[in-house]
Amino acid sequence: MKKATKGILAIAIVGMGVFASQAMADGVSGVPGSADDPVVTKSYVDQQIQKALGGGGGGGTVSPGLTVVELSPGRTLYGFEGTEFIVRTGKVQAVAGDKGDGLTDITEGKDLRGGAQVAANHLLLIARSDNRGLRLHAGYNGVAHIMVRGKYELR
């Protein structure tokens, strides 16, 4: 055999050896159920998602999708940071936060101060968890239906 052929054959054998050892090393560390690759249940994943969304502790209800909430006279619907409201029916007014800040009306691009009437079908956003929310107008005795996405509390 020529020297060049022997050199190429030696390089090929060494390269295949390195490749094979690397492939074996990768396969050993990824055993399902081991500390490197744990197996988890769906309920555990759901629990961790709820914690990440702020549903673990602190009261309130987390609505990952849109949930319809009935707002009756004498009750106030409070939203937490990032919560979205859409008023579907009823006469509703904004409730300002602890420092007098209002709700963000994304549909009109303005800030609704405390006591301002909320137009139907407008998307509202709660910027901070400081007791901002919605309540019925004083003279309105009906029930309002509000679509909610995110963490909220009805008091």
C-alpha atoms as a PDB file:
ATOM      1  CA  MET A   1       0.000   0.000   0.000  1.00  0.00           C
ATOM      2  CA  LYS A   2       1.145   3.494  -0.685  1.00  0.00           C
ATOM      3  CA  LYS A   3       1.970   5.878   2.139  1.00  0.00           C
ATOM      4  CA  ALA A   4      -0.782   8.304   1.072  1.00  0.00           C
ATOM      5  CA  THR A   5      -3.436   5.587   1.167  1.00  0.00           C
ATOM      6  CA  LYS A   6      -2.248   4.413   4.610  1.00  0.00           C
ATOM      7  CA  GLY A   7      -2.410   8.026   5.893  1.00  0.00           C
ATOM      8  CA  ILE A   8      -5.941   8.581   4.595  1.00  0.00           C
ATOM      9  CA  LEU A   9      -7.053   5.229   6.031  1.00  0.00           C
ATOM     10  CA  ALA A  10      -5.537   6.109   9.442  1.00  0.00           C
ATOM     11  CA  ILE A  11      -7.250   9.512   9.499  1.00  0.00           C
ATOM     12  CA  ALA A  12     -10.585   7.919   8.564  1.00  0.00           C
ATOM     13  CA  ILE A  13     -10.300   5.303  11.324  1.00  0.00           C
ATOM     14  CA  VAL A  14      -9.386   7.930  13.956  1.00  0.00           C
ATOM     15  CA  GLY A  15     -12.238  10.195  12.783  1.00  0.00           C
ATOM     16  CA  MET A  16     -14.777   7.363  12.999  1.00  0.00           C
ATOM     17  CA  GLY A  17     -13.501   6.499  16.477  1.00  0.00           C
ATOM     18  CA  VAL A  18     -13.948  10.080  17.680  1.00  0.00           C
ATOM     19  CA  PHE A  19     -17.402  10.273  16.106  1.00  0.00           C
ATOM     20  CA  ALA A  20     -18.511   6.933  17.650  1.00  0.00           C
ATOM     21  CA  SER A  21     -17.251   7.847  21.128  1.00  0.00           C
ATOM     22  CA  GLN A  22     -19.026  11.216  20.972  1.00  0.00           C
ATOM     23  CA  ALA A  23     -22.286   9.584  19.891  1.00  0.00           C
ATOM     24  CA  MET A  24     -22.073   7.086  22.755  1.00  0.00           C
ATOM     25  CA  ALA A  25     -21.364   9.833  25.288  1.00  0.00           C
ATOM     26  CA  ASP A  26     -24.388  11.835  24.118  1.00  0.00           C
ATOM     27  CA  GLY A  27     -26.690   8.831  24.420  1.00  0.00           C
ATOM     28  CA  VAL A  28     -25.681   7.975  27.989  1.00  0.00           C
ATOM     29  CA  SER A  29     -26.549  11.344  29.563  1.00  0.00           C
ATOM     30  CA  GLY A  30     -30.085  11.575  28.139  1.00  0.00           C
ATOM     31  CA  VAL A  31     -31.740   8.595  29.848  1.00  0.00           C
ATOM     32  CA  PRO A  32     -35.445   9.407  30.319  1.00  0.00           C
ATOM     33  CA  GLY A  33     -36.328   9.687  33.991  1.00  0.00           C
ATOM     34  CA  SER A  34     -32.786  10.454  35.102  1.00  0.00           C
ATOM     35  CA  ALA A  35     -31.717  13.691  36.789  1.00  0.00           C
ATOM     36  CA  ASP A  36     -30.476  14.929  33.398  1.00  0.00           C
ATOM     37  CA  ASP A  37     -33.794  14.217  31.653  1.00  0.00           C
ATOM     38  CA  PRO A  38     -36.651  14.109  34.214  1.00  0.00           C
ATOM     39  CA  VAL A  39     -40.093  12.825  33.319  1.00  0.00           C
ATOM     40  CA  VAL A  40     -42.939  15.049  34.586  1.00  0.00           C
ATOM     41  CA  THR A  41     -46.709  14.707  34.592  1.00  0.00           C
ATOM     42  CA  LYS A  42     -49.204  17.044  32.942  1.00  0.00           C
ATOM     43  CA  SER A  43     -50.612  18.079  36.337  1.00  0.00           C
ATOM     44  CA  TYR A  44     -47.128  19.152  37.476  1.00  0.00           C
ATOM     45  CA  VAL A  45     -46.647  21.231  34.330  1.00  0.00           C
ATOM     46  CA  ASP A  46     -50.104  22.817  34.767  1.00  0.00           C
ATOM     47  CA  GLN A  47     -49.276  23.642  38.399  1.00  0.00           C
ATOM     48  CA  GLN A  48     -46.014  25.317  37.380  1.00  0.00           C
ATOM     49  CA  ILE A  49     -47.801  27.332  34.681  1.00  0.00           C
ATOM     50  CA  GLN A  50     -50.369  28.550  37.233  1.00  0.00           C
ATOM     51  CA  LYS A  51     -47.537  29.626  39.552  1.00  0.00           C
ATOM     52  CA  ALA A  52     -45.837  31.471  36.710  1.00  0.00           C
ATOM     53  CA  LEU A  53     -49.087  33.268  35.834  1.00  0.00           C
ATOM     54  CA  GLY A  54     -49.458  34.390  39.431  1.00  0.00           C
ATOM     55  CA  GLY A  55     -52.197  31.939  40.376  1.00  0.00           C
ATOM     56  CA  GLY A  56     -50.252  30.359  43.214  1.00  0.00           C
ATOM     57  CA  GLY A  57     -51.272  32.250  46.353  1.00  0.00           C
ATOM     58  CA  GLY A  58     -52.391  35.809  46.913  1.00  0.00           C
ATOM     59  CA  GLY A  59     -56.077  35.165  46.293  1.00  0.00           C
ATOM     60  CA  GLY A  60     -57.909  35.859  43.101  1.00  0.00           C
ATOM     61  CA  THR A  61     -58.758  33.707  40.152  1.00  0.00           C
ATOM     62  CA  VAL A  62     -56.608  33.198  37.086  1.00  0.00           C
ATOM     63  CA  SER A  63     -58.345  33.065  33.746  1.00  0.00           C
ATOM     64  CA  PRO A  64     -55.866  31.810  31.110  1.00  0.00           C
ATOM     65  CA  GLY A  65     -58.490  32.216  28.373  1.00  0.00           C
ATOM     66  CA  LEU A  66     -61.451  34.565  28.227  1.00  0.00           C
ATOM     67  CA  THR A  67     -63.951  34.009  31.045  1.00  0.00           C
ATOM     68  CA  VAL A  68     -67.298  35.761  31.376  1.00  0.00           C
ATOM     69  CA  VAL A  69     -67.801  37.274  34.842  1.00  0.00           C
ATOM     70  CA  GLU A  70     -71.174  38.578  36.050  1.00  0.00           C
ATOM     71  CA  LEU A  71     -70.838  41.834  37.946  1.00  0.00           C
ATOM     72  CA  SER A  72     -73.792  42.563  40.219  1.00  0.00           C
ATOM     73  CA  PRO A  73     -74.649  45.744  42.175  1.00  0.00           C
ATOM     74  CA  GLY A  74     -72.460  46.385  45.208  1.00  0.00           C
ATOM     75  CA  ARG A  75     -69.551  44.268  43.907  1.00  0.00           C
ATOM     76  CA  THR A  76     -66.305  45.398  42.312  1.00  0.00           C
ATOM     77  CA  LEU A  77     -64.195  43.464  39.817  1.00  0.00           C
ATOM     78  CA  TYR A  78     -60.481  44.036  40.507  1.00  0.00           C
ATOM     79  CA  GLY A  79     -57.768  43.155  38.032  1.00  0.00           C
ATOM     80  CA  PHE A  80     -54.117  42.432  38.638  1.00  0.00           C
ATOM     81  CA  GLU A  81     -51.149  43.480  36.503  1.00  0.00           C
ATOM     82  CA  GLY A  82     -51.671  42.405  32.894  1.00  0.00           C
ATOM     83  CA  THR A  83     -55.363  41.521  33.261  1.00  0.00           C
ATOM     84  CA  GLU A  84     -57.655  42.406  30.352  1.00  0.00           C
ATOM     85  CA  PHE A  85     -61.359  43.320  30.546  1.00  0.00           C
ATOM     86  CA  ILE A  86     -64.002  43.662  27.827  1.00  0.00           C
ATOM     87  CA  VAL A  87     -67.395  44.964  28.982  1.00  0.00           C
ATOM     88  CA  ARG A  88     -70.118  43.179  27.020  1.00  0.00           C
ATOM     89  CA  THR A  89     -73.316  44.365  28.757  1.00  0.00           C
ATOM     90  CA  GLY A  90     -74.368  46.779  31.466  1.00  0.00           C
ATOM     91  CA  LYS A  91     -73.396  50.280  32.597  1.00  0.00           C
ATOM     92  CA  VAL A  92     -69.922  50.057  34.108  1.00  0.00           C
ATOM     93  CA  GLN A  93     -67.493  52.638  35.443  1.00  0.00           C
ATOM     94  CA  ALA A  94     -63.744  52.514  36.006  1.00  0.00           C
ATOM     95  CA  VAL A  95     -62.277  52.143  39.488  1.00  0.00           C
ATOM     96  CA  ALA A  96     -58.991  54.009  39.944  1.00  0.00           C
ATOM     97  CA  GLY A  97     -55.929  52.482  41.574  1.00  0.00           C
ATOM     98  CA  ASP A  98     -54.528  53.405  44.981  1.00  0.00           C
ATOM     99  CA  LYS A  99     -52.717  56.460  43.543  1.00  0.00           C
ATOM    100  CA  GLY A 100     -55.621  57.580  41.373  1.00  0.00           C
ATOM    101  CA  ASP A 101     -54.340  55.944  38.190  1.00  0.00           C
ATOM    102  CA  GLY A 102     -56.984  54.659  35.819  1.00  0.00           C
ATOM    103  CA  LEU A 103     -57.447  51.810  33.373  1.00  0.00           C
ATOM    104  CA  THR A 104     -55.919  51.768  29.908  1.00  0.00           C
ATOM    105  CA  ASP A 105     -58.545  51.736  27.156  1.00  0.00           C
ATOM    106  CA  ILE A 106     -56.589  50.091  24.353  1.00  0.00           C
ATOM    107  CA  THR A 107     -59.433  50.453  21.862  1.00  0.00           C
ATOM    108  CA  GLU A 108     -59.497  54.267  22.085  1.00  0.00           C
ATOM    109  CA  GLY A 109     -55.907  54.723  23.190  1.00  0.00           C
ATOM    110  CA  LYS A 110     -56.682  56.694  26.342  1.00  0.00           C
ATOM    111  CA  ASP A 111     -56.624  56.445  30.125  1.00  0.00           C
ATOM    112  CA  LEU A 112     -59.953  56.009  31.930  1.00  0.00           C
ATOM    113  CA  ARG A 113     -59.908  57.807  35.284  1.00  0.00           C
ATOM    114  CA  GLY A 114     -61.919  56.609  38.281  1.00  0.00           C
ATOM    115  CA  GLY A 115     -65.662  57.051  37.744  1.00  0.00           C
ATOM    116  CA  ALA A 116     -65.402  57.272  33.931  1.00  0.00           C
ATOM    117  CA  GLN A 117     -67.982  55.302  31.997  1.00  0.00           C
ATOM    118  CA  VAL A 118     -66.574  52.282  30.167  1.00  0.00           C
ATOM    119  CA  ALA A 119     -67.829  51.818  26.615  1.00  0.00           C
ATOM    120  CA  ALA A 120     -69.062  48.376  25.610  1.00  0.00           C
ATOM    121  CA  ASN A 121     -66.727  46.128  23.624  1.00  0.00           C
ATOM    122  CA  HIS A 122     -63.583  48.143  24.447  1.00  0.00           C
ATOM    123  CA  LEU A 123     -60.434  46.270  25.440  1.00  0.00           C
ATOM    124  CA  LEU A 124     -59.153  47.486  28.822  1.00  0.00           C
ATOM    125  CA  LEU A 125     -55.768  46.703  30.374  1.00  0.00           C
ATOM    126  CA  ILE A 126     -54.755  46.797  34.040  1.00  0.00           C
ATOM    127  CA  ALA A 127     -51.220  48.172  34.244  1.00  0.00           C
ATOM    128  CA  ARG A 128     -50.487  47.445  37.928  1.00  0.00           C
ATOM    129  CA  SER A 129     -51.890  45.417  40.802  1.00  0.00           C
ATOM    130  CA  ASP A 130     -53.100  48.422  42.813  1.00  0.00           C
ATOM    131  CA  ASN A 131     -56.869  47.847  43.194  1.00  0.00           C
ATOM    132  CA  ARG A 132     -57.919  49.033  39.737  1.00  0.00           C
ATOM    133  CA  GLY A 133     -61.080  47.569  38.341  1.00  0.00           C
ATOM    134  CA  LEU A 134     -64.706  47.972  37.358  1.00  0.00           C
ATOM    135  CA  ARG A 135     -68.011  48.495  39.169  1.00  0.00           C
ATOM    136  CA  LEU A 136     -71.583  49.206  38.123  1.00  0.00           C
ATOM    137  CA  HIS A 137     -72.843  52.785  37.903  1.00  0.00           C
ATOM    138  CA  ALA A 138     -74.658  53.855  41.072  1.00  0.00           C
ATOM    139  CA  GLY A 139     -78.094  54.107  39.400  1.00  0.00           C
ATOM    140  CA  TYR A 140     -77.801  50.870  37.431  1.00  0.00           C
ATOM    141  CA  ASN A 141     -79.500  47.887  39.094  1.00  0.00           C
ATOM    142  CA  GLY A 142     -78.889  45.267  36.421  1.00  0.00           C
ATOM    143  CA  VAL A 143     -76.044  42.836  35.935  1.00  0.00           C
ATOM    144  CA  ALA A 144     -73.025  43.471  33.714  1.00  0.00           C
ATOM    145  CA  HIS A 145     -71.196  40.757  31.804  1.00  0.00           C
ATOM    146  CA  ILE A 146     -67.454  41.273  31.506  1.00  0.00           C
ATOM    147  CA  MET A 147     -64.999  39.096  29.633  1.00  0.00           C
ATOM    148  CA  VAL A 148     -61.763  38.670  31.610  1.00  0.00           C
ATOM    149  CA  ARG A 149     -58.341  37.330  30.690  1.00  0.00           C
ATOM    150  CA  GLY A 150     -55.776  37.089  33.504  1.00  0.00           C
ATOM    151  CA  LYS A 151     -55.883  37.244  37.286  1.00  0.00           C
ATOM    152  CA  TYR A 152     -58.909  38.931  38.850  1.00  0.00           C
ATOM    153  CA  GLU A 153     -60.826  39.178  42.107  1.00  0.00           C
ATOM    154  CA  LEU A 154     -64.516  39.872  42.666  1.00  0.00           C
ATOM    155  CA  ARG A 155     -65.295  41.603  45.992  1.00  0.00           C
END
